[in-house]
């Protein structure tokens, strides 16, 4: 799914459904994705200072740094952001 086309998606066009909700659905269905939520984005941008990595490329970035399954990268970023109260 393209996050820039959520308005035309049957689920994405519902009120309150954004990239984070779609990412959570994908994670729960077992897809290998990084969920784009405020903790993940906050850690990437504020802690790791990776402003140049577009949020829709976090999956590819995880693979680039050697993490084969982006779900693990998501978990690390999310839990660290939650623990340190880092959010976008």
Protein backbone atom coordinates (compact mmCIF):
# COMPACT_ATOMS: atom_id res chain seq x y z
CA UNK A 1 0.00 0.00 0.00
CA UNK A 2 1.20 3.49 -0.80
CA UNK A 3 0.81 5.73 2.23
CA UNK A 4 0.40 8.78 0.02
CA UNK A 5 -2.81 7.25 -1.40
CA UNK A 6 -4.62 6.42 1.86
CA UNK A 7 -7.56 8.65 0.93
CA UNK A 8 -8.43 6.30 -1.95
CA UNK A 9 -7.96 3.09 0.04
CA UNK A 10 -11.12 1.42 1.47
CA UNK A 11 -9.59 1.31 4.96
CA UNK A 12 -7.34 4.35 4.68
CA UNK A 13 -10.16 6.72 3.87
CA UNK A 14 -11.86 6.07 7.21
CA UNK A 15 -11.56 8.84 9.83
CA UNK A 16 -8.58 8.34 12.13
CA UNK A 17 -6.84 5.78 9.94
CA UNK A 18 -3.35 6.83 8.96
CA UNK A 19 0.04 5.26 8.32
CA UNK A 20 0.38 4.13 11.96
CA UNK A 21 -2.91 2.22 11.91
CA UNK A 22 -2.12 0.66 8.55
CA UNK A 23 1.35 -0.30 9.82
CA UNK A 24 -0.15 -1.88 12.92
CA UNK A 25 -2.56 -3.92 10.81
CA UNK A 26 0.35 -5.09 8.65
CA UNK A 27 2.40 -6.04 11.73
CA UNK A 28 -0.52 -8.01 13.16
CA UNK A 29 -0.90 -9.83 9.86
CA UNK A 30 2.76 -10.89 10.07
CA UNK A 31 4.21 -8.60 7.42
CA UNK A 32 7.82 -7.54 7.73
CA UNK A 33 7.34 -3.80 8.14
CA UNK A 34 8.32 -0.89 10.33
CA UNK A 35 5.16 0.73 11.69
CA UNK A 36 5.25 4.48 11.23
CA UNK A 37 4.20 5.71 14.65
CA UNK A 38 5.34 8.70 16.68
CA UNK A 39 7.88 6.76 18.78
CA UNK A 40 9.57 5.14 15.79
CA UNK A 41 9.74 8.40 13.83
CA UNK A 42 10.90 10.31 16.92
CA UNK A 43 13.79 7.93 17.62
CA UNK A 44 14.87 7.94 13.96
CA UNK A 45 14.83 11.72 13.72
CA UNK A 46 15.65 12.99 17.22
CA UNK A 47 17.86 10.27 18.72
CA UNK A 48 19.54 8.72 15.67
CA UNK A 49 19.43 12.08 13.80
CA UNK A 50 18.45 10.44 10.54
CA UNK A 51 16.32 13.23 9.09
CA UNK A 52 17.42 12.24 5.58
CA UNK A 53 15.72 8.84 5.69
CA UNK A 54 12.11 9.21 4.48
CA UNK A 55 9.58 7.59 6.83
CA UNK A 56 8.31 5.32 4.06
CA UNK A 57 11.86 3.95 3.61
CA UNK A 58 12.41 2.71 7.18
CA UNK A 59 11.90 -0.89 6.03
CA UNK A 60 14.68 -0.54 3.47
CA UNK A 61 16.89 1.25 6.00
CA UNK A 62 16.56 -1.66 8.42
CA UNK A 63 17.74 -4.05 5.72
CA UNK A 64 20.55 -1.64 4.76
CA UNK A 65 21.98 -1.76 8.30
CA UNK A 66 21.76 -5.56 8.37
CA UNK A 67 18.44 -6.21 10.06
CA UNK A 68 16.77 -8.76 7.81
CA UNK A 69 13.33 -8.55 9.43
CA UNK A 70 12.18 -4.92 9.81
CA UNK A 71 9.73 -6.05 12.54
CA UNK A 72 12.69 -6.31 14.93
CA UNK A 73 13.85 -2.82 14.00
CA UNK A 74 10.32 -1.54 14.61
CA UNK A 75 10.23 -3.16 18.04
CA UNK A 76 13.61 -1.72 19.03
CA UNK A 77 12.71 1.80 17.92
CA UNK A 78 9.22 1.68 19.43
CA UNK A 79 10.27 0.32 22.83
CA UNK A 80 13.24 2.70 23.10
CA UNK A 81 11.08 5.67 22.15
CA UNK A 82 8.41 4.67 24.63
CA UNK A 83 10.93 4.10 27.44
CA UNK A 84 12.72 7.41 26.83
CA UNK A 85 9.53 9.32 26.00
CA UNK A 86 10.78 10.21 22.52
CA UNK A 87 8.13 10.95 19.94
CA UNK A 88 7.70 12.94 16.76
